Amino acid sequence: MPAWRDSPYVCTLSDNERHLGHILKEDDWVAFDATHPGETGIGIRHLGAFPSVASAKDAVERSVAIYRPARASRANAAGTSIQ
């Protein structure tokens, strides 16, 4: 089951076998999908900049196509595992 591992400036999403994506804190949170190539076919896919850690994590999860049931609140923003 994929899970987020968080620090104040970097959050990574991985399962037992692979790195799926990550977000980095700059002025905003910048998100990357490590399962798809970038626009040039090299590297990883840049997903954009987001104002919050929760929105950046959502972008990564949507891009790597992780199923996550709808929730009223974003409990995962604190770094709990994805369900």
Protein backbone atom coordinates (compact mmCIF):
# COMPACT_ATOMS: atom_id res chain seq x y z
CA MET A 1 0.00 0.00 0.00
CA PRO A 2 1.54 3.35 -0.96
CA ALA A 3 2.31 5.74 1.88
CA TRP A 4 3.59 9.29 2.24
CA ARG A 5 6.79 9.96 4.15
CA ASP A 6 7.03 13.60 5.18
CA SER A 7 9.58 16.15 6.27
CA PRO A 8 9.17 19.94 6.43
CA TYR A 9 10.44 20.45 2.85
CA VAL A 10 10.11 17.10 1.06
CA CYS A 11 7.33 14.51 1.00
CA THR A 12 7.71 11.23 -0.90
CA LEU A 13 5.11 8.69 -1.97
CA SER A 14 6.23 5.08 -2.30
CA ASP A 15 5.15 1.51 -1.87
CA ASN A 16 7.30 -1.50 -0.95
CA GLU A 17 8.81 -1.69 -4.42
CA ARG A 18 9.06 1.78 -5.95
CA HIS A 19 9.12 5.52 -5.62
CA LEU A 20 5.86 6.90 -7.05
CA GLY A 21 6.22 10.65 -6.67
CA HIS A 22 7.25 13.49 -4.45
CA ILE A 23 6.59 17.11 -3.55
CA LEU A 24 9.13 19.78 -2.65
CA LYS A 25 8.60 23.00 -0.72
CA GLU A 26 9.78 26.09 -2.57
CA ASP A 27 7.59 29.22 -2.51
CA ASP A 28 4.72 26.79 -3.13
CA TRP A 29 4.69 22.98 -3.07
CA VAL A 30 6.03 21.60 -6.38
CA ALA A 31 4.75 18.14 -7.34
CA PHE A 32 6.32 15.37 -9.45
CA ASP A 33 5.04 12.03 -10.73
CA ALA A 34 7.91 9.52 -10.84
CA THR A 35 5.86 6.89 -12.74
CA HIS A 36 5.58 8.86 -15.99
CA PRO A 37 8.26 10.53 -18.12
CA GLY A 38 8.54 14.30 -18.36
CA GLU A 39 7.42 16.29 -21.42
CA THR A 40 10.69 15.58 -23.23
CA GLY A 41 10.45 11.85 -22.50
CA ILE A 42 13.36 12.12 -20.06
CA GLY A 43 13.17 12.35 -16.30
CA ILE A 44 9.91 12.50 -14.36
CA ARG A 45 6.65 14.38 -14.92
CA HIS A 46 6.41 17.86 -13.39
CA LEU A 47 2.82 18.40 -12.19
CA GLY A 48 3.03 22.06 -11.21
CA ALA A 49 3.11 24.26 -8.13
CA PHE A 50 0.39 24.12 -5.48
CA PRO A 51 -0.44 26.41 -2.54
CA SER A 52 -0.78 23.64 0.04
CA VAL A 53 0.77 20.29 0.88
CA ALA A 54 -2.68 18.67 0.59
CA SER A 55 -3.31 19.95 -2.95
CA ALA A 56 0.19 18.90 -4.07
CA LYS A 57 -0.30 15.41 -2.61
CA ASP A 58 -3.68 15.16 -4.33
CA ALA A 59 -2.06 16.02 -7.67
CA VAL A 60 0.56 13.28 -7.25
CA GLU A 61 -2.04 10.72 -6.18
CA ARG A 62 -4.29 11.54 -9.15
CA SER A 63 -1.39 11.43 -11.60
CA VAL A 64 -0.11 8.05 -10.44
CA ALA A 65 -3.72 6.80 -10.36
CA ILE A 66 -3.90 5.66 -6.75
CA TYR A 67 -7.39 4.79 -5.66
CA ARG A 68 -8.43 6.73 -2.61
CA PRO A 69 -12.02 6.86 -1.35
CA ALA A 70 -13.59 10.31 -1.15
CA ARG A 71 -13.27 11.96 2.24
CA ALA A 72 -14.86 14.96 3.85
CA SER A 73 -11.48 16.12 5.15
CA ARG A 74 -7.89 15.59 4.06
CA ALA A 75 -6.49 13.57 6.98
CA ASN A 76 -3.60 12.48 4.75
CA ALA A 77 -2.11 16.01 4.70
CA ALA A 78 -0.44 15.19 8.01
CA GLY A 79 1.43 12.27 6.45
CA THR A 80 -0.73 9.27 7.28
CA SER A 81 -0.77 6.39 4.83
CA ILE A 82 -3.08 6.40 1.83
CA GLN A 83 -6.09 4.14 2.08
